[in-house]
Amino acid sequence: MIMTDNTSQQQPSNFQRINPQDSSFERPEILAGYPYIYTQAVVWGEMDAFNHVNNVVYYRYAESARIEYLRLLNIFNADTIMVLAQSSCQYLAPVTYPDTLLIGVRSKSIGNSSLVLEYVYYSTIQQKAVATAEAVVVRLKSNAEGKAPWTEQEHQRIFEYDQSVGHTPLA
């Protein structure tokens, strides 16, 4: 399992940096079924007039987590064109600065040329899930004129990776 650390931005002195690669890192139970965890530091400027992370920011976080998940699987590269066909987010609790979110990513289902991804956003300050989300990406031909099917090898990589934590995507 690969995890990235996106906490390089300046944090207050009382902020505890999380390194998911550290052997002492304990995976929150809610993230157990997610093979990929993306670490996202909350930045002061992402808060809105209500003093919590703006709802649009969650979509940016999902985009970053999705790209890293797909890059890890060698599906997001210069030879592949994908478009976001649909996305949704359910907000469970407000998030404020400072915080670090652990974003679990997994494949919910794999279609002929589509992939449905699921996310859970876990607040390390609140110690609970603060949002869930879903996105559908569609793979296109290199000339962007129509859909391109996933190869058998890509299907296999996705299944094997997600099954490494006991999750099986629908086919």
C-alpha atoms as a PDB file:
ATOM      1  CA  MET A   1       0.000   0.000   0.000  1.00  0.00           C
ATOM      2  CA  ILE A   2       1.395   3.416  -0.995  1.00  0.00           C
ATOM      3  CA  MET A   3       0.472   6.651   0.743  1.00  0.00           C
ATOM      4  CA  THR A   4       1.566  10.184  -0.053  1.00  0.00           C
ATOM      5  CA  ASP A   5       2.274  13.067   2.268  1.00  0.00           C
ATOM      6  CA  ASN A   6       0.898  16.396   1.080  1.00  0.00           C
ATOM      7  CA  THR A   7       1.628  18.248   4.330  1.00  0.00           C
ATOM      8  CA  SER A   8       4.580  20.344   3.153  1.00  0.00           C
ATOM      9  CA  GLN A   9       2.817  23.675   3.737  1.00  0.00           C
ATOM     10  CA  GLN A  10       3.587  25.758   6.824  1.00  0.00           C
ATOM     11  CA  GLN A  11       1.746  24.475   9.903  1.00  0.00           C
ATOM     12  CA  PRO A  12       1.420  26.033  13.384  1.00  0.00           C
ATOM     13  CA  SER A  13       3.896  24.911  16.052  1.00  0.00           C
ATOM     14  CA  ASN A  14       1.256  22.825  17.862  1.00  0.00           C
ATOM     15  CA  PHE A  15       0.430  20.886  14.687  1.00  0.00           C
ATOM     16  CA  GLN A  16       1.448  17.217  14.621  1.00  0.00           C
ATOM     17  CA  ARG A  17       2.712  16.076  11.227  1.00  0.00           C
ATOM     18  CA  ILE A  18       1.422  12.676  10.158  1.00  0.00           C
ATOM     19  CA  ASN A  19       3.595  10.297   8.195  1.00  0.00           C
ATOM     20  CA  PRO A  20       1.478   7.329   7.027  1.00  0.00           C
ATOM     21  CA  GLN A  21       4.685   5.579   5.927  1.00  0.00           C
ATOM     22  CA  ASP A  22       5.948   5.502   9.526  1.00  0.00           C
ATOM     23  CA  SER A  23       5.688   2.040  11.060  1.00  0.00           C
ATOM     24  CA  SER A  24       3.998   3.562  14.128  1.00  0.00           C
ATOM     25  CA  PHE A  25       1.121   4.922  11.998  1.00  0.00           C
ATOM     26  CA  GLU A  26      -2.167   3.296  12.984  1.00  0.00           C
ATOM     27  CA  ARG A  27      -4.718   3.180  10.196  1.00  0.00           C
ATOM     28  CA  PRO A  28      -8.133   4.371  11.398  1.00  0.00           C
ATOM     29  CA  GLU A  29     -10.660   1.534  11.211  1.00  0.00           C
ATOM     30  CA  ILE A  30     -12.904   3.432   8.782  1.00  0.00           C
ATOM     31  CA  LEU A  31     -10.017   3.432   6.255  1.00  0.00           C
ATOM     32  CA  ALA A  32      -9.373  -0.327   6.522  1.00  0.00           C
ATOM     33  CA  GLY A  33     -11.129  -1.143   3.228  1.00  0.00           C
ATOM     34  CA  TYR A  34      -9.321   1.577   1.249  1.00  0.00           C
ATOM     35  CA  PRO A  35      -6.069   0.475  -0.406  1.00  0.00           C
ATOM     36  CA  TYR A  36      -4.834   4.016  -0.989  1.00  0.00           C
ATOM     37  CA  ILE A  37      -4.651   6.816   1.561  1.00  0.00           C
ATOM     38  CA  TYR A  38      -3.872  10.338   0.446  1.00  0.00           C
ATOM     39  CA  THR A  39      -2.676  12.757   3.117  1.00  0.00           C
ATOM     40  CA  GLN A  40      -4.013  16.307   2.722  1.00  0.00           C
ATOM     41  CA  ALA A  41      -3.107  19.225   4.982  1.00  0.00           C
ATOM     42  CA  VAL A  42      -5.890  21.760   5.445  1.00  0.00           C
ATOM     43  CA  VAL A  43      -4.691  25.255   4.525  1.00  0.00           C
ATOM     44  CA  TRP A  44      -5.970  28.440   6.188  1.00  0.00           C
ATOM     45  CA  GLY A  45      -6.993  29.986   2.854  1.00  0.00           C
ATOM     46  CA  GLU A  46      -9.338  27.057   2.095  1.00  0.00           C
ATOM     47  CA  MET A  47     -11.780  28.158   4.780  1.00  0.00           C
ATOM     48  CA  ASP A  48     -14.816  30.257   3.905  1.00  0.00           C
ATOM     49  CA  ALA A  49     -16.806  32.982   5.679  1.00  0.00           C
ATOM     50  CA  PHE A  50     -18.337  30.344   7.956  1.00  0.00           C
ATOM     51  CA  ASN A  51     -14.845  29.461   9.229  1.00  0.00           C
ATOM     52  CA  HIS A  52     -14.754  25.930   7.828  1.00  0.00           C
ATOM     53  CA  VAL A  53     -13.286  24.347   4.700  1.00  0.00           C
ATOM     54  CA  ASN A  54     -15.307  25.485   1.689  1.00  0.00           C
ATOM     55  CA  ASN A  55     -17.350  22.734   0.036  1.00  0.00           C
ATOM     56  CA  VAL A  56     -15.563  23.189  -3.332  1.00  0.00           C
ATOM     57  CA  VAL A  57     -12.230  22.352  -1.708  1.00  0.00           C
ATOM     58  CA  TYR A  58     -13.374  18.778  -1.019  1.00  0.00           C
ATOM     59  CA  TYR A  59     -13.633  18.261  -4.784  1.00  0.00           C
ATOM     60  CA  ARG A  60     -10.051  19.497  -5.230  1.00  0.00           C
ATOM     61  CA  TYR A  61      -8.894  17.123  -2.516  1.00  0.00           C
ATOM     62  CA  ALA A  62     -10.715  14.251  -4.270  1.00  0.00           C
ATOM     63  CA  GLU A  63      -9.091  15.204  -7.573  1.00  0.00           C
ATOM     64  CA  SER A  64      -5.600  15.084  -6.060  1.00  0.00           C
ATOM     65  CA  ALA A  65      -6.303  11.773  -4.317  1.00  0.00           C
ATOM     66  CA  ARG A  66      -7.849  10.296  -7.503  1.00  0.00           C
ATOM     67  CA  ILE A  67      -4.895  11.265  -9.682  1.00  0.00           C
ATOM     68  CA  GLU A  68      -2.401   9.731  -7.253  1.00  0.00           C
ATOM     69  CA  TYR A  69      -4.464   6.526  -6.977  1.00  0.00           C
ATOM     70  CA  LEU A  70      -4.638   6.210 -10.770  1.00  0.00           C
ATOM     71  CA  ARG A  71      -0.945   7.093 -11.190  1.00  0.00           C
ATOM     72  CA  LEU A  72      -0.030   4.382  -8.714  1.00  0.00           C
ATOM     73  CA  LEU A  73      -1.958   1.893 -10.855  1.00  0.00           C
ATOM     74  CA  ASN A  74      -0.212   3.265 -13.980  1.00  0.00           C
ATOM     75  CA  ILE A  75      -3.590   4.239 -15.441  1.00  0.00           C
ATOM     76  CA  PHE A  76      -3.138   8.011 -15.282  1.00  0.00           C
ATOM     77  CA  ASN A  77      -0.328   8.782 -17.712  1.00  0.00           C
ATOM     78  CA  ALA A  78       0.490  10.649 -20.916  1.00  0.00           C
ATOM     79  CA  ASP A  79      -1.136   7.906 -23.024  1.00  0.00           C
ATOM     80  CA  THR A  80      -4.487   8.007 -21.241  1.00  0.00           C
ATOM     81  CA  ILE A  81      -7.248  10.597 -21.508  1.00  0.00           C
ATOM     82  CA  MET A  82      -9.882  10.559 -18.791  1.00  0.00           C
ATOM     83  CA  VAL A  83     -12.754  12.893 -18.088  1.00  0.00           C
ATOM     84  CA  LEU A  84     -14.725  13.353 -14.912  1.00  0.00           C
ATOM     85  CA  ALA A  85     -18.301  12.413 -15.789  1.00  0.00           C
ATOM     86  CA  GLN A  86     -19.893  12.800 -12.347  1.00  0.00           C
ATOM     87  CA  SER A  87     -18.928  13.621  -8.787  1.00  0.00           C
ATOM     88  CA  SER A  88     -20.732  14.041  -5.489  1.00  0.00           C
ATOM     89  CA  CYS A  89     -19.784  14.718  -1.887  1.00  0.00           C
ATOM     90  CA  GLN A  90     -21.686  14.215   1.342  1.00  0.00           C
ATOM     91  CA  TYR A  91     -20.514  16.484   4.161  1.00  0.00           C
ATOM     92  CA  LEU A  92     -20.731  14.835   7.577  1.00  0.00           C
ATOM     93  CA  ALA A  93     -18.957  17.391   9.787  1.00  0.00           C
ATOM     94  CA  PRO A  94     -17.260  20.760   9.232  1.00  0.00           C
ATOM     95  CA  VAL A  95     -13.451  20.841   8.990  1.00  0.00           C
ATOM     96  CA  THR A  96     -11.319  23.780  10.107  1.00  0.00           C
ATOM     97  CA  TYR A  97      -7.676  24.776  10.031  1.00  0.00           C
ATOM     98  CA  PRO A  98      -5.413  23.302  11.310  1.00  0.00           C
ATOM     99  CA  ASP A  99      -6.178  19.700  10.424  1.00  0.00           C
ATOM    100  CA  THR A 100      -4.883  16.910   8.242  1.00  0.00           C
ATOM    101  CA  LEU A 101      -7.278  14.734   6.311  1.00  0.00           C
ATOM    102  CA  LEU A 102      -6.586  11.135   5.411  1.00  0.00           C
ATOM    103  CA  ILE A 103      -8.508  10.446   2.214  1.00  0.00           C
ATOM    104  CA  GLY A 104      -9.160   6.804   1.446  1.00  0.00           C
ATOM    105  CA  VAL A 105      -9.635   5.969  -2.238  1.00  0.00           C
ATOM    106  CA  ARG A 106     -10.908   2.751  -3.804  1.00  0.00           C
ATOM    107  CA  SER A 107     -12.703   1.536  -6.900  1.00  0.00           C
ATOM    108  CA  LYS A 108     -16.381   0.882  -6.355  1.00  0.00           C
ATOM    109  CA  SER A 109     -17.000  -0.531  -9.824  1.00  0.00           C
ATOM    110  CA  ILE A 110     -15.269  -0.939 -13.151  1.00  0.00           C
ATOM    111  CA  GLY A 111     -17.218  -0.581 -16.366  1.00  0.00           C
ATOM    112  CA  ASN A 112     -16.110  -1.093 -19.948  1.00  0.00           C
ATOM    113  CA  SER A 113     -14.581   2.395 -20.136  1.00  0.00           C
ATOM    114  CA  SER A 114     -15.652   3.902 -16.800  1.00  0.00           C
ATOM    115  CA  LEU A 115     -14.459   3.681 -13.241  1.00  0.00           C
ATOM    116  CA  VAL A 116     -16.499   4.623 -10.172  1.00  0.00           C
ATOM    117  CA  LEU A 117     -14.316   5.717  -7.261  1.00  0.00           C
ATOM    118  CA  GLU A 118     -15.284   6.018  -3.604  1.00  0.00           C
ATOM    119  CA  TYR A 119     -13.646   8.305  -1.049  1.00  0.00           C
ATOM    120  CA  VAL A 120     -13.809   8.749   2.692  1.00  0.00           C
ATOM    121  CA  TYR A 121     -12.307  11.865   4.307  1.00  0.00           C
ATOM    122  CA  TYR A 122     -10.997  11.245   7.821  1.00  0.00           C
ATOM    123  CA  SER A 123     -10.105  14.170  10.093  1.00  0.00           C
ATOM    124  CA  THR A 124      -7.071  13.466  12.253  1.00  0.00           C
ATOM    125  CA  ILE A 125      -8.150  16.216  14.663  1.00  0.00           C
ATOM    126  CA  GLN A 126     -11.758  15.039  15.028  1.00  0.00           C
ATOM    127  CA  GLN A 127     -10.821  11.350  14.769  1.00  0.00           C
ATOM    128  CA  LYS A 128     -13.808  10.585  12.536  1.00  0.00           C
ATOM    129  CA  ALA A 129     -15.058  10.602   8.956  1.00  0.00           C
ATOM    130  CA  VAL A 130     -16.032  14.130   7.961  1.00  0.00           C
ATOM    131  CA  ALA A 131     -17.145  13.462   4.366  1.00  0.00           C
ATOM    132  CA  THR A 132     -17.716  10.731   1.806  1.00  0.00           C
ATOM    133  CA  ALA A 133     -17.658  11.129  -1.938  1.00  0.00           C
ATOM    134  CA  GLU A 134     -17.985   9.341  -5.244  1.00  0.00           C
ATOM    135  CA  ALA A 135     -16.716  10.098  -8.746  1.00  0.00           C
ATOM    136  CA  VAL A 136     -17.101   8.542 -12.168  1.00  0.00           C
ATOM    137  CA  VAL A 137     -14.250   8.846 -14.660  1.00  0.00           C
ATOM    138  CA  VAL A 138     -14.498   7.776 -18.285  1.00  0.00           C
ATOM    139  CA  ARG A 139     -11.541   6.788 -20.404  1.00  0.00           C
ATOM    140  CA  LEU A 140     -11.381   8.258 -23.905  1.00  0.00           C
ATOM    141  CA  LYS A 141      -9.522   7.347 -27.074  1.00  0.00           C
ATOM    142  CA  SER A 142      -6.281   9.270 -27.613  1.00  0.00           C
ATOM    143  CA  ASN A 143      -8.013  11.572 -30.106  1.00  0.00           C
ATOM    144  CA  ALA A 144     -10.828  12.151 -27.564  1.00  0.00           C
ATOM    145  CA  GLU A 145     -13.374  10.931 -30.120  1.00  0.00           C
ATOM    146  CA  GLY A 146     -15.189   8.251 -28.174  1.00  0.00           C
ATOM    147  CA  LYS A 147     -14.714   5.976 -25.223  1.00  0.00           C
ATOM    148  CA  ALA A 148     -11.773   3.589 -24.873  1.00  0.00           C
ATOM    149  CA  PRO A 149     -12.169   0.331 -22.942  1.00  0.00           C
ATOM    150  CA  TRP A 150      -9.906  -0.618 -20.047  1.00  0.00           C
ATOM    151  CA  THR A 151      -7.453  -3.362 -20.924  1.00  0.00           C
ATOM    152  CA  GLU A 152      -7.586  -6.729 -19.179  1.00  0.00           C
ATOM    153  CA  GLN A 153      -4.278  -5.863 -17.481  1.00  0.00           C
ATOM    154  CA  GLU A 154      -5.751  -2.596 -16.125  1.00  0.00           C
ATOM    155  CA  HIS A 155      -8.815  -4.439 -14.821  1.00  0.00           C
ATOM    156  CA  GLN A 156      -6.524  -6.932 -13.128  1.00  0.00           C
ATOM    157  CA  ARG A 157      -4.316  -4.232 -11.535  1.00  0.00           C
ATOM    158  CA  ILE A 158      -7.351  -2.427 -10.103  1.00  0.00           C
ATOM    159  CA  PHE A 159      -8.882  -5.635  -8.733  1.00  0.00           C
ATOM    160  CA  GLU A 160      -5.638  -6.905  -7.212  1.00  0.00           C
ATOM    161  CA  TYR A 161      -4.801  -3.554  -5.614  1.00  0.00           C
ATOM    162  CA  ASP A 162      -8.223  -3.073  -4.049  1.00  0.00           C
ATOM    163  CA  GLN A 163      -8.398  -6.729  -2.977  1.00  0.00           C
ATOM    164  CA  SER A 164      -5.118  -6.245  -1.063  1.00  0.00           C
ATOM    165  CA  VAL A 165      -7.252  -4.703   1.725  1.00  0.00           C
ATOM    166  CA  GLY A 166     -10.230  -7.032   1.306  1.00  0.00           C
ATOM    167  CA  HIS A 167     -12.298  -4.808  -0.991  1.00  0.00           C
ATOM    168  CA  THR A 168     -13.594  -6.188  -4.303  1.00  0.00           C
ATOM    169  CA  PRO A 169     -14.828  -3.694  -6.903  1.00  0.00           C
ATOM    170  CA  LEU A 170     -17.947  -4.603  -8.869  1.00  0.00           C
ATOM    171  CA  ALA A 171     -17.360  -5.559 -12.483  1.00  0.00           C
END
